[in-house]
PDB file of N, CA and C in Angstrom:
ATOM      1  N   MET A   1       1.351 -10.658  -0.924  1.00  0.00           N
ATOM      2  CA  MET A   1       1.934  -9.411  -0.909  1.00  0.00           C
ATOM      3  C   MET A   1       3.172  -9.331   0.058  1.00  0.00           C
ATOM      4  N   HIS A   2       3.697 -10.307   0.769  1.00  0.00           N
ATOM      5  CA  HIS A   2       5.110 -10.508   1.227  1.00  0.00           C
ATOM      6  C   HIS A   2       5.933 -10.260   0.421  1.00  0.00           C
ATOM      7  N   ALA A   3       5.715 -11.524  -0.623  1.00  0.00           N
ATOM      8  CA  ALA A   3       6.726 -11.433  -1.624  1.00  0.00           C
ATOM      9  C   ALA A   3       7.087 -10.821  -2.715  1.00  0.00           C
ATOM     10  N   ALA A   4       5.864  -9.664  -2.630  1.00  0.00           N
ATOM     11  CA  ALA A   4       6.055  -8.993  -3.709  1.00  0.00           C
ATOM     12  C   ALA A   4       6.744  -7.329  -2.882  1.00  0.00           C
ATOM     13  N   LEU A   5       6.479  -7.414  -1.801  1.00  0.00           N
ATOM     14  CA  LEU A   5       7.335  -6.616  -1.031  1.00  0.00           C
ATOM     15  C   LEU A   5       8.928  -6.551  -1.044  1.00  0.00           C
ATOM     16  N   LEU A   6       9.001  -7.885  -0.638  1.00  0.00           N
ATOM     17  CA  LEU A   6      10.918  -8.356  -0.582  1.00  0.00           C
ATOM     18  C   LEU A   6      11.301  -7.828  -2.028  1.00  0.00           C
ATOM     19  N   ASN A   7      10.336  -7.922  -3.037  1.00  0.00           N
ATOM     20  CA  ASN A   7      11.230  -8.162  -4.351  1.00  0.00           C
ATOM     21  C   ASN A   7      11.362  -6.689  -4.330  1.00  0.00           C
ATOM     22  N   PHE A   8      10.354  -5.651  -4.341  1.00  0.00           N
ATOM     23  CA  PHE A   8       9.927  -4.425  -5.077  1.00  0.00           C
ATOM     24  C   PHE A   8      11.073  -3.891  -4.156  1.00  0.00           C
ATOM     25  N   GLU A   9      11.354  -4.268  -3.012  1.00  0.00           N
ATOM     26  CA  GLU A   9      12.788  -3.641  -1.871  1.00  0.00           C
ATOM     27  C   GLU A   9      13.790  -3.683  -2.495  1.00  0.00           C
ATOM     28  N   LYS A  10      14.418  -4.187  -3.274  1.00  0.00           N
ATOM     29  CA  LYS A  10      15.664  -4.479  -3.972  1.00  0.00           C
ATOM     30  C   LYS A  10      15.910  -3.751  -5.248  1.00  0.00           C
ATOM     31  N   GLN A  11      14.492  -3.019  -5.637  1.00  0.00           N
ATOM     32  CA  GLN A  11      14.843  -2.107  -7.037  1.00  0.00           C
ATOM     33  C   GLN A  11      15.329  -0.668  -6.649  1.00  0.00           C
ATOM     34  N   ASP A  12      16.099  -0.662  -7.550  1.00  0.00           N
ATOM     35  CA  ASP A  12      17.356   0.927  -7.553  1.00  0.00           C
ATOM     36  C   ASP A  12      16.683   2.072  -7.950  1.00  0.00           C
ATOM     37  N   SER A  13      15.589   2.764  -7.148  1.00  0.00           N
ATOM     38  CA  SER A  13      15.041   3.922  -7.709  1.00  0.00           C
ATOM     39  C   SER A  13      14.250   4.106  -6.215  1.00  0.00           C
ATOM     40  N   ASN A  14      13.202   5.409  -6.679  1.00  0.00           N
ATOM     41  CA  ASN A  14      12.300   5.966  -5.465  1.00  0.00           C
ATOM     42  C   ASN A  14      11.516   4.975  -5.815  1.00  0.00           C
ATOM     43  N   LYS A  15      10.680   4.204  -4.550  1.00  0.00           N
ATOM     44  CA  LYS A  15       9.945   3.429  -4.850  1.00  0.00           C
ATOM     45  C   LYS A  15       8.784   3.868  -3.635  1.00  0.00           C
ATOM     46  N   ILE A  16       7.762   3.676  -4.219  1.00  0.00           N
ATOM     47  CA  ILE A  16       6.595   3.871  -3.527  1.00  0.00           C
ATOM     48  C   ILE A  16       5.655   2.830  -3.700  1.00  0.00           C
ATOM     49  N   ALA A  17       4.959   1.809  -2.639  1.00  0.00           N
ATOM     50  CA  ALA A  17       3.952   0.950  -3.063  1.00  0.00           C
ATOM     51  C   ALA A  17       2.506   1.276  -1.702  1.00  0.00           C
ATOM     52  N   VAL A  18       1.590   1.319  -3.212  1.00  0.00           N
ATOM     53  CA  VAL A  18       0.306   1.418  -2.805  1.00  0.00           C
ATOM     54  C   VAL A  18      -0.522   0.043  -2.649  1.00  0.00           C
ATOM     55  N   LEU A  19      -0.699  -0.403  -1.372  1.00  0.00           N
ATOM     56  CA  LEU A  19      -1.167  -1.603  -0.974  1.00  0.00           C
ATOM     57  C   LEU A  19      -2.843  -1.358  -0.558  1.00  0.00           C
ATOM     58  N   GLY A  20      -3.741  -2.465  -1.497  1.00  0.00           N
ATOM     59  CA  GLY A  20      -5.027  -2.336  -0.464  1.00  0.00           C
ATOM     60  C   GLY A  20      -5.285  -3.450  -0.257  1.00  0.00           C
ATOM     61  N   ASP A  21      -6.751  -3.086   0.420  1.00  0.00           N
ATOM     62  CA  ASP A  21      -7.123  -4.043   1.484  1.00  0.00           C
ATOM     63  C   ASP A  21      -6.998  -5.772   0.890  1.00  0.00           C
ATOM     64  N   MET A  22      -6.620  -6.563   1.831  1.00  0.00           N
ATOM     65  CA  MET A  22      -6.560  -8.330   0.692  1.00  0.00           C
ATOM     66  C   MET A  22      -8.013  -8.739   1.438  1.00  0.00           C
ATOM     67  N   PHE A  23      -8.586  -9.297   0.900  1.00  0.00           N
ATOM     68  CA  PHE A  23     -10.450  -9.588   1.067  1.00  0.00           C
ATOM     69  C   PHE A  23     -10.133 -11.150   1.351  1.00  0.00           C
ATOM     70  N   GLU A  24     -11.424 -11.749   1.607  1.00  0.00           N
ATOM     71  CA  GLU A  24     -11.152 -12.926   2.034  1.00  0.00           C
ATOM     72  C   GLU A  24     -10.161 -13.700   2.918  1.00  0.00           C
ATOM     73  N   LEU A  25      -9.664 -12.999   3.821  1.00  0.00           N
ATOM     74  CA  LEU A  25      -9.046 -13.620   4.848  1.00  0.00           C
ATOM     75  C   LEU A  25      -9.388 -13.835   5.995  1.00  0.00           C
ATOM     76  N   GLY A  26     -11.028 -13.447   6.187  1.00  0.00           N
ATOM     77  CA  GLY A  26     -11.571 -14.414   7.317  1.00  0.00           C
ATOM     78  C   GLY A  26     -11.325 -13.519   8.606  1.00  0.00           C
ATOM     79  N   THR A  27     -10.924 -14.630   9.786  1.00  0.00           N
ATOM     80  CA  THR A  27     -10.478 -14.230  10.719  1.00  0.00           C
ATOM     81  C   THR A  27      -9.207 -13.851  10.623  1.00  0.00           C
ATOM     82  N   GLU A  28      -8.655 -14.103   9.671  1.00  0.00           N
ATOM     83  CA  GLU A  28      -7.304 -13.717  10.022  1.00  0.00           C
ATOM     84  C   GLU A  28      -6.631 -12.395   9.513  1.00  0.00           C
ATOM     85  N   ALA A  29      -7.944 -11.519   9.149  1.00  0.00           N
ATOM     86  CA  ALA A  29      -7.469 -10.025   8.295  1.00  0.00           C
ATOM     87  C   ALA A  29      -6.887  -8.887   9.168  1.00  0.00           C
ATOM     88  N   VAL A  30      -7.268  -9.259  10.645  1.00  0.00           N
ATOM     89  CA  VAL A  30      -6.630  -7.968  11.005  1.00  0.00           C
ATOM     90  C   VAL A  30      -5.156  -8.201  11.111  1.00  0.00           C
ATOM     91  N   ILE A  31      -4.819  -9.297  11.613  1.00  0.00           N
ATOM     92  CA  ILE A  31      -3.531 -10.084  11.884  1.00  0.00           C
ATOM     93  C   ILE A  31      -2.774  -9.599  10.655  1.00  0.00           C
ATOM     94  N   GLU A  32      -3.655 -10.314   9.461  1.00  0.00           N
ATOM     95  CA  GLU A  32      -2.569  -9.921   8.219  1.00  0.00           C
ATOM     96  C   GLU A  32      -2.307  -9.070   7.415  1.00  0.00           C
ATOM     97  N   HIS A  33      -3.337  -8.018   7.610  1.00  0.00           N
ATOM     98  CA  HIS A  33      -3.126  -6.730   7.787  1.00  0.00           C
ATOM     99  C   HIS A  33      -2.003  -5.920   8.445  1.00  0.00           C
ATOM    100  N   GLN A  34      -2.002  -6.448   9.771  1.00  0.00           N
ATOM    101  CA  GLN A  34      -0.611  -5.846  11.034  1.00  0.00           C
ATOM    102  C   GLN A  34       0.438  -6.025  10.030  1.00  0.00           C
ATOM    103  N   ILE A  35       0.588  -7.603  10.109  1.00  0.00           N
ATOM    104  CA  ILE A  35       1.821  -8.181   9.380  1.00  0.00           C
ATOM    105  C   ILE A  35       2.393  -7.508   8.279  1.00  0.00           C
ATOM    106  N   ILE A  36       1.632  -6.956   7.166  1.00  0.00           N
ATOM    107  CA  ILE A  36       1.939  -6.625   6.527  1.00  0.00           C
ATOM    108  C   ILE A  36       2.557  -5.295   6.147  1.00  0.00           C
ATOM    109  N   ALA A  37       1.840  -4.165   7.024  1.00  0.00           N
ATOM    110  CA  ALA A  37       1.837  -2.741   7.099  1.00  0.00           C
ATOM    111  C   ALA A  37       3.684  -2.933   7.933  1.00  0.00           C
ATOM    112  N   ASP A  38       3.542  -4.155   9.013  1.00  0.00           N
ATOM    113  CA  ASP A  38       4.640  -3.631   9.533  1.00  0.00           C
ATOM    114  C   ASP A  38       5.826  -3.971   8.820  1.00  0.00           C
ATOM    115  N   LEU A  39       5.965  -4.962   7.586  1.00  0.00           N
ATOM    116  CA  LEU A  39       6.937  -5.325   7.232  1.00  0.00           C
ATOM    117  C   LEU A  39       7.181  -4.304   5.934  1.00  0.00           C
ATOM    118  N   ALA A  40       6.262  -3.729   5.560  1.00  0.00           N
ATOM    119  CA  ALA A  40       6.111  -2.723   4.548  1.00  0.00           C
ATOM    120  C   ALA A  40       7.423  -0.962   4.980  1.00  0.00           C
ATOM    121  N   ILE A  41       6.722  -0.641   6.635  1.00  0.00           N
ATOM    122  CA  ILE A  41       7.709   0.020   7.226  1.00  0.00           C
ATOM    123  C   ILE A  41       9.128  -0.095   7.359  1.00  0.00           C
ATOM    124  N   SER A  42       9.350  -1.601   7.460  1.00  0.00           N
ATOM    125  CA  SER A  42      10.726  -1.905   8.063  1.00  0.00           C
ATOM    126  C   SER A  42      11.124  -1.937   6.103  1.00  0.00           C
ATOM    127  N   LEU A  43      10.780  -1.881   5.297  1.00  0.00           N
ATOM    128  CA  LEU A  43      11.425  -2.107   4.472  1.00  0.00           C
ATOM    129  C   LEU A  43      11.942  -0.885   4.146  1.00  0.00           C
ATOM    130  N   ASN A  44      13.271  -0.679   3.301  1.00  0.00           N
ATOM    131  CA  ASN A  44      13.269   0.700   2.179  1.00  0.00           C
ATOM    132  C   ASN A  44      12.572   0.904   1.100  1.00  0.00           C
ATOM    133  N   ILE A  45      11.044   1.583   1.702  1.00  0.00           N
ATOM    134  CA  ILE A  45      10.642   2.105   0.656  1.00  0.00           C
ATOM    135  C   ILE A  45      10.095   3.514   1.056  1.00  0.00           C
ATOM    136  N   GLU A  46      10.290   4.376  -0.374  1.00  0.00           N
ATOM    137  CA  GLU A  46      10.239   5.768   0.301  1.00  0.00           C
ATOM    138  C   GLU A  46       8.914   5.892   1.042  1.00  0.00           C
ATOM    139  N   GLN A  47       7.470   5.832   0.101  1.00  0.00           N
ATOM    140  CA  GLN A  47       6.528   5.764   0.476  1.00  0.00           C
ATOM    141  C   GLN A  47       5.942   4.861   0.886  1.00  0.00           C
ATOM    142  N   ILE A  48       4.811   4.825   1.870  1.00  0.00           N
ATOM    143  CA  ILE A  48       3.937   3.621   1.394  1.00  0.00           C
ATOM    144  C   ILE A  48       2.542   4.255   1.438  1.00  0.00           C
ATOM    145  N   ILE A  49       1.578   3.887   0.506  1.00  0.00           N
ATOM    146  CA  ILE A  49       0.176   4.061   0.413  1.00  0.00           C
ATOM    147  C   ILE A  49      -0.778   3.006   1.210  1.00  0.00           C
ATOM    148  N   LEU A  50      -1.255   3.115   2.097  1.00  0.00           N
ATOM    149  CA  LEU A  50      -2.490   1.572   2.636  1.00  0.00           C
ATOM    150  C   LEU A  50      -4.042   2.256   1.903  1.00  0.00           C
ATOM    151  N   VAL A  51      -4.728   1.706   1.694  1.00  0.00           N
ATOM    152  CA  VAL A  51      -5.590   1.659   1.305  1.00  0.00           C
ATOM    153  C   VAL A  51      -7.043   0.613   1.692  1.00  0.00           C
ATOM    154  N   GLY A  52      -8.058   0.905   2.369  1.00  0.00           N
ATOM    155  CA  GLY A  52      -9.030   0.518   2.588  1.00  0.00           C
ATOM    156  C   GLY A  52      -9.586   0.105   4.115  1.00  0.00           C
ATOM    157  N   GLU A  53     -10.076  -0.193   4.576  1.00  0.00           N
ATOM    158  CA  GLU A  53     -11.138  -0.297   5.944  1.00  0.00           C
ATOM    159  C   GLU A  53      -9.770  -1.844   6.777  1.00  0.00           C
ATOM    160  N   ASN A  54      -9.493  -2.091   6.333  1.00  0.00           N
ATOM    161  CA  ASN A  54      -8.537  -2.819   7.194  1.00  0.00           C
ATOM    162  C   ASN A  54      -7.232  -2.598   7.153  1.00  0.00           C
ATOM    163  N   PHE A  55      -6.743  -2.186   5.860  1.00  0.00           N
ATOM    164  CA  PHE A  55      -5.092  -1.226   6.265  1.00  0.00           C
ATOM    165  C   PHE A  55      -5.448   0.004   7.028  1.00  0.00           C
ATOM    166  N   TYR A  56      -6.500   0.693   7.282  1.00  0.00           N
ATOM    167  CA  TYR A  56      -7.024   2.041   7.724  1.00  0.00           C
ATOM    168  C   TYR A  56      -6.919   1.876   9.115  1.00  0.00           C
ATOM    169  N   ASN A  57      -7.097   0.748   9.547  1.00  0.00           N
ATOM    170  CA  ASN A  57      -7.410   0.009  11.365  1.00  0.00           C
ATOM    171  C   ASN A  57      -6.356  -0.421  11.571  1.00  0.00           C
ATOM    172  N   VAL A  58      -4.833  -0.381  10.495  1.00  0.00           N
ATOM    173  CA  VAL A  58      -3.873  -1.181  11.371  1.00  0.00           C
ATOM    174  C   VAL A  58      -2.994  -0.302  12.352  1.00  0.00           C
ATOM    175  N   ASN A  59      -2.453  -0.709  13.360  1.00  0.00           N
ATOM    176  CA  ASN A  59      -1.285   0.253  14.445  1.00  0.00           C
ATOM    177  C   ASN A  59      -0.545   0.592  14.006  1.00  0.00           C
ATOM    178  N   VAL A  60       0.141   1.667  12.906  1.00  0.00           N
ATOM    179  CA  VAL A  60       1.321   1.777  12.568  1.00  0.00           C
ATOM    180  C   VAL A  60       1.618   2.927  12.327  1.00  0.00           C
ATOM    181  N   LYS A  61       2.447   3.649  12.636  1.00  0.00           N
ATOM    182  CA  LYS A  61       3.287   5.057  12.194  1.00  0.00           C
ATOM    183  C   LYS A  61       4.432   5.592  11.305  1.00  0.00           C
ATOM    184  N   SER A  62       4.390   5.977  10.442  1.00  0.00           N
ATOM    185  CA  SER A  62       5.861   6.531  10.473  1.00  0.00           C
ATOM    186  C   SER A  62       5.463   7.834   9.135  1.00  0.00           C
ATOM    187  N   ASN A  63       6.629   8.609   8.816  1.00  0.00           N
ATOM    188  CA  ASN A  63       6.485   9.376   8.178  1.00  0.00           C
ATOM    189  C   ASN A  63       6.445   9.288   6.558  1.00  0.00           C
ATOM    190  N   ARG A  64       6.813   8.174   6.421  1.00  0.00           N
ATOM    191  CA  ARG A  64       6.642   7.474   4.862  1.00  0.00           C
ATOM    192  C   ARG A  64       5.476   6.536   4.535  1.00  0.00           C
ATOM    193  N   LEU A  65       4.340   6.846   5.983  1.00  0.00           N
ATOM    194  CA  LEU A  65       3.170   6.103   5.729  1.00  0.00           C
ATOM    195  C   LEU A  65       1.808   7.023   5.500  1.00  0.00           C
ATOM    196  N   LYS A  66       1.433   6.751   4.311  1.00  0.00           N
ATOM    197  CA  LYS A  66      -0.268   6.965   4.333  1.00  0.00           C
ATOM    198  C   LYS A  66      -1.685   6.162   4.476  1.00  0.00           C
ATOM    199  N   LYS A  67      -2.543   6.328   4.888  1.00  0.00           N
ATOM    200  CA  LYS A  67      -3.643   5.552   5.014  1.00  0.00           C
ATOM    201  C   LYS A  67      -4.927   6.259   4.804  1.00  0.00           C
ATOM    202  N   TYR A  68      -5.259   5.394   3.874  1.00  0.00           N
ATOM    203  CA  TYR A  68      -6.768   6.147   3.174  1.00  0.00           C
ATOM    204  C   TYR A  68      -7.983   4.992   3.389  1.00  0.00           C
ATOM    205  N   ARG A  69      -8.639   5.076   4.224  1.00  0.00           N
ATOM    206  CA  ARG A  69     -10.192   4.482   4.887  1.00  0.00           C
ATOM    207  C   ARG A  69     -10.644   3.756   2.730  1.00  0.00           C
ATOM    208  N   SER A  70     -10.726   4.415   1.890  1.00  0.00           N
ATOM    209  CA  SER A  70     -11.376   4.104   0.809  1.00  0.00           C
ATOM    210  C   SER A  70     -10.407   4.638  -0.077  1.00  0.00           C
ATOM    211  N   PHE A  71     -10.944   4.173  -1.506  1.00  0.00           N
ATOM    212  CA  PHE A  71      -9.743   4.436  -2.644  1.00  0.00           C
ATOM    213  C   PHE A  71     -10.380   5.591  -2.964  1.00  0.00           C
ATOM    214  N   ALA A  72     -12.077   6.212  -3.177  1.00  0.00           N
ATOM    215  CA  ALA A  72     -12.099   7.741  -2.773  1.00  0.00           C
ATOM    216  C   ALA A  72     -11.466   8.445  -2.040  1.00  0.00           C
ATOM    217  N   ASP A  73     -11.250   8.328  -1.032  1.00  0.00           N
ATOM    218  CA  ASP A  73     -10.248   9.112  -0.309  1.00  0.00           C
ATOM    219  C   ASP A  73      -8.918   9.711  -0.849  1.00  0.00           C
ATOM    220  N   LEU A  74      -8.373   8.007  -1.575  1.00  0.00           N
ATOM    221  CA  LEU A  74      -7.136   8.333  -2.033  1.00  0.00           C
ATOM    222  C   LEU A  74      -6.792   9.281  -3.202  1.00  0.00           C
ATOM    223  N   GLU A  75      -7.975   9.220  -3.791  1.00  0.00           N
ATOM    224  CA  GLU A  75      -8.137   9.139  -5.253  1.00  0.00           C
ATOM    225  C   GLU A  75      -8.477  11.110  -5.194  1.00  0.00           C
ATOM    226  N   ALA A  76      -8.765  11.382  -4.350  1.00  0.00           N
ATOM    227  CA  ALA A  76      -9.265  12.845  -4.120  1.00  0.00           C
ATOM    228  C   ALA A  76      -7.801  13.594  -4.179  1.00  0.00           C
ATOM    229  N   VAL A  77      -6.709  12.726  -3.102  1.00  0.00           N
ATOM    230  CA  VAL A  77      -5.532  13.837  -2.853  1.00  0.00           C
ATOM    231  C   VAL A  77      -4.444  13.226  -4.040  1.00  0.00           C
ATOM    232  N   PHE A  78      -4.277  11.978  -4.415  1.00  0.00           N
ATOM    233  CA  PHE A  78      -3.602  11.513  -5.226  1.00  0.00           C
ATOM    234  C   PHE A  78      -3.392  11.966  -6.945  1.00  0.00           C
ATOM    235  N   HIS A  79      -2.320  12.364  -6.980  1.00  0.00           N
ATOM    236  CA  HIS A  79      -1.755  13.187  -7.860  1.00  0.00           C
ATOM    237  C   HIS A  79      -0.476  12.328  -9.176  1.00  0.00           C
ATOM    238  N   ILE A  80      -0.748  11.500 -10.032  1.00  0.00           N
ATOM    239  CA  ILE A  80       0.569  10.802 -10.829  1.00  0.00           C
ATOM    240  C   ILE A  80       1.564  11.616 -11.361  1.00  0.00           C
ATOM    241  N   SER A  81       1.383  12.844 -11.490  1.00  0.00           N
ATOM    242  CA  SER A  81       2.531  13.894 -11.848  1.00  0.00           C
ATOM    243  C   SER A  81       3.260  14.030 -10.537  1.00  0.00           C
ATOM    244  N   LYS A  82       2.840  13.730  -9.773  1.00  0.00           N
ATOM    245  CA  LYS A  82       4.047  13.919  -8.207  1.00  0.00           C
ATOM    246  C   LYS A  82       4.817  12.453  -7.908  1.00  0.00           C
ATOM    247  N   ILE A  83       4.357  11.574  -8.931  1.00  0.00           N
ATOM    248  CA  ILE A  83       5.592  10.087  -8.726  1.00  0.00           C
ATOM    249  C   ILE A  83       6.330   9.941 -10.091  1.00  0.00           C
ATOM    250  N   GLU A  84       6.333  10.938 -10.925  1.00  0.00           N
ATOM    251  CA  GLU A  84       7.284  11.259 -12.145  1.00  0.00           C
ATOM    252  C   GLU A  84       8.838  10.704 -11.056  1.00  0.00           C
ATOM    253  N   HIS A  85       9.131   9.431 -12.139  1.00  0.00           N
ATOM    254  CA  HIS A  85      10.808   9.387 -11.988  1.00  0.00           C
ATOM    255  C   HIS A  85      10.845   8.303 -10.302  1.00  0.00           C
ATOM    256  N   SER A  86       9.467   7.477  -9.895  1.00  0.00           N
ATOM    257  CA  SER A  86       9.491   6.890  -9.013  1.00  0.00           C
ATOM    258  C   SER A  86       8.982   5.177  -9.727  1.00  0.00           C
ATOM    259  N   ILE A  87       9.688   4.062  -9.011  1.00  0.00           N
ATOM    260  CA  ILE A  87       8.961   3.008  -9.167  1.00  0.00           C
ATOM    261  C   ILE A  87       7.515   2.637  -8.407  1.00  0.00           C
ATOM    262  N   ILE A  88       6.396   1.963  -8.985  1.00  0.00           N
ATOM    263  CA  ILE A  88       5.311   1.915  -8.155  1.00  0.00           C
ATOM    264  C   ILE A  88       5.058   0.162  -8.291  1.00  0.00           C
ATOM    265  N   LEU A  89       4.577   0.083  -6.857  1.00  0.00           N
ATOM    266  CA  LEU A  89       4.060  -1.308  -6.656  1.00  0.00           C
ATOM    267  C   LEU A  89       2.590  -1.015  -6.214  1.00  0.00           C
ATOM    268  N   ILE A  90       1.431  -1.598  -7.422  1.00  0.00           N
ATOM    269  CA  ILE A  90       0.156  -1.719  -6.835  1.00  0.00           C
ATOM    270  C   ILE A  90      -0.372  -3.115  -6.565  1.00  0.00           C
ATOM    271  N   LYS A  91      -0.623  -3.175  -5.519  1.00  0.00           N
ATOM    272  CA  LYS A  91      -0.975  -4.452  -5.108  1.00  0.00           C
ATOM    273  C   LYS A  91      -2.329  -4.591  -3.700  1.00  0.00           C
ATOM    274  N   GLY A  92      -2.853  -4.997  -4.346  1.00  0.00           N
ATOM    275  CA  GLY A  92      -4.465  -5.559  -3.881  1.00  0.00           C
ATOM    276  C   GLY A  92      -5.151  -6.589  -3.901  1.00  0.00           C
ATOM    277  N   SER A  93      -6.197  -7.023  -3.491  1.00  0.00           N
ATOM    278  CA  SER A  93      -7.243  -7.889  -3.289  1.00  0.00           C
ATOM    279  C   SER A  93      -8.092  -7.160  -5.053  1.00  0.00           C
ATOM    280  N   ARG A  94      -8.560  -8.240  -5.836  1.00  0.00           N
ATOM    281  CA  ARG A  94      -9.069  -7.586  -7.281  1.00  0.00           C
ATOM    282  C   ARG A  94     -10.130  -6.941  -7.157  1.00  0.00           C
ATOM    283  N   GLY A  95     -10.431  -6.962  -5.747  1.00  0.00           N
ATOM    284  CA  GLY A  95     -12.096  -5.948  -5.695  1.00  0.00           C
ATOM    285  C   GLY A  95     -11.805  -4.525  -5.201  1.00  0.00           C
ATOM    286  N   MET A  96     -10.521  -4.496  -4.835  1.00  0.00           N
ATOM    287  CA  MET A  96      -9.515  -2.950  -4.605  1.00  0.00           C
ATOM    288  C   MET A  96      -9.699  -2.051  -6.126  1.00  0.00           C
ATOM    289  N   ALA A  97      -9.670  -2.574  -7.296  1.00  0.00           N
ATOM    290  CA  ALA A  97      -9.452  -2.503  -8.564  1.00  0.00           C
ATOM    291  C   ALA A  97      -8.478  -0.632  -8.176  1.00  0.00           C
ATOM    292  N   LEU A  98      -7.344  -1.314  -7.830  1.00  0.00           N
ATOM    293  CA  LEU A  98      -6.113  -0.432  -7.688  1.00  0.00           C
ATOM    294  C   LEU A  98      -5.531   0.417  -8.808  1.00  0.00           C
ATOM    295  N   GLU A  99      -5.725  -0.166 -10.051  1.00  0.00           N
ATOM    296  CA  GLU A  99      -5.360  -0.033 -11.116  1.00  0.00           C
ATOM    297  C   GLU A  99      -5.550   1.407 -11.702  1.00  0.00           C
ATOM    298  N   ARG A 100      -7.027   1.731 -10.911  1.00  0.00           N
ATOM    299  CA  ARG A 100      -7.630   2.942 -11.090  1.00  0.00           C
ATOM    300  C   ARG A 100      -6.883   4.275 -11.033  1.00  0.00           C
ATOM    301  N   LEU A 101      -5.841   4.125 -10.040  1.00  0.00           N
ATOM    302  CA  LEU A 101      -4.825   5.180  -9.899  1.00  0.00           C
ATOM    303  C   LEU A 101      -4.520   5.512 -11.023  1.00  0.00           C
ATOM    304  N   LEU A 102      -4.138   5.137 -12.720  1.00  0.00           N
ATOM    305  CA  LEU A 102      -3.056   4.705 -13.578  1.00  0.00           C
ATOM    306  C   LEU A 102      -4.089   5.929 -14.532  1.00  0.00           C
ATOM    307  N   ASN A 103      -5.267   6.020 -14.268  1.00  0.00           N
ATOM    308  CA  ASN A 103      -6.689   6.379 -15.191  1.00  0.00           C
ATOM    309  C   ASN A 103      -6.154   8.211 -15.119  1.00  0.00           C
TER     310      ASN A 103
END
């Protein structure tokens, strides 16, 4: 996810990153999610959306950041029409099935 964010930042467009929980990190889960959230905030990305229990519990605040405890919570407010003329990075563990946002 780290490399994906760094490459995504290089894009010339309005950028939206949708980042879902990373599963199977074991005892490192809390710190790894915090590292990724901190990195995302430090980059030139206009909107950052964090999805899942681990990302919901990170300690980070920004007016560019929104956190959702579950995919269902995000899906209830997410509208594909609001992201026209943007490029989107959708990244998370396979189990998050974030591609459902595109339906």
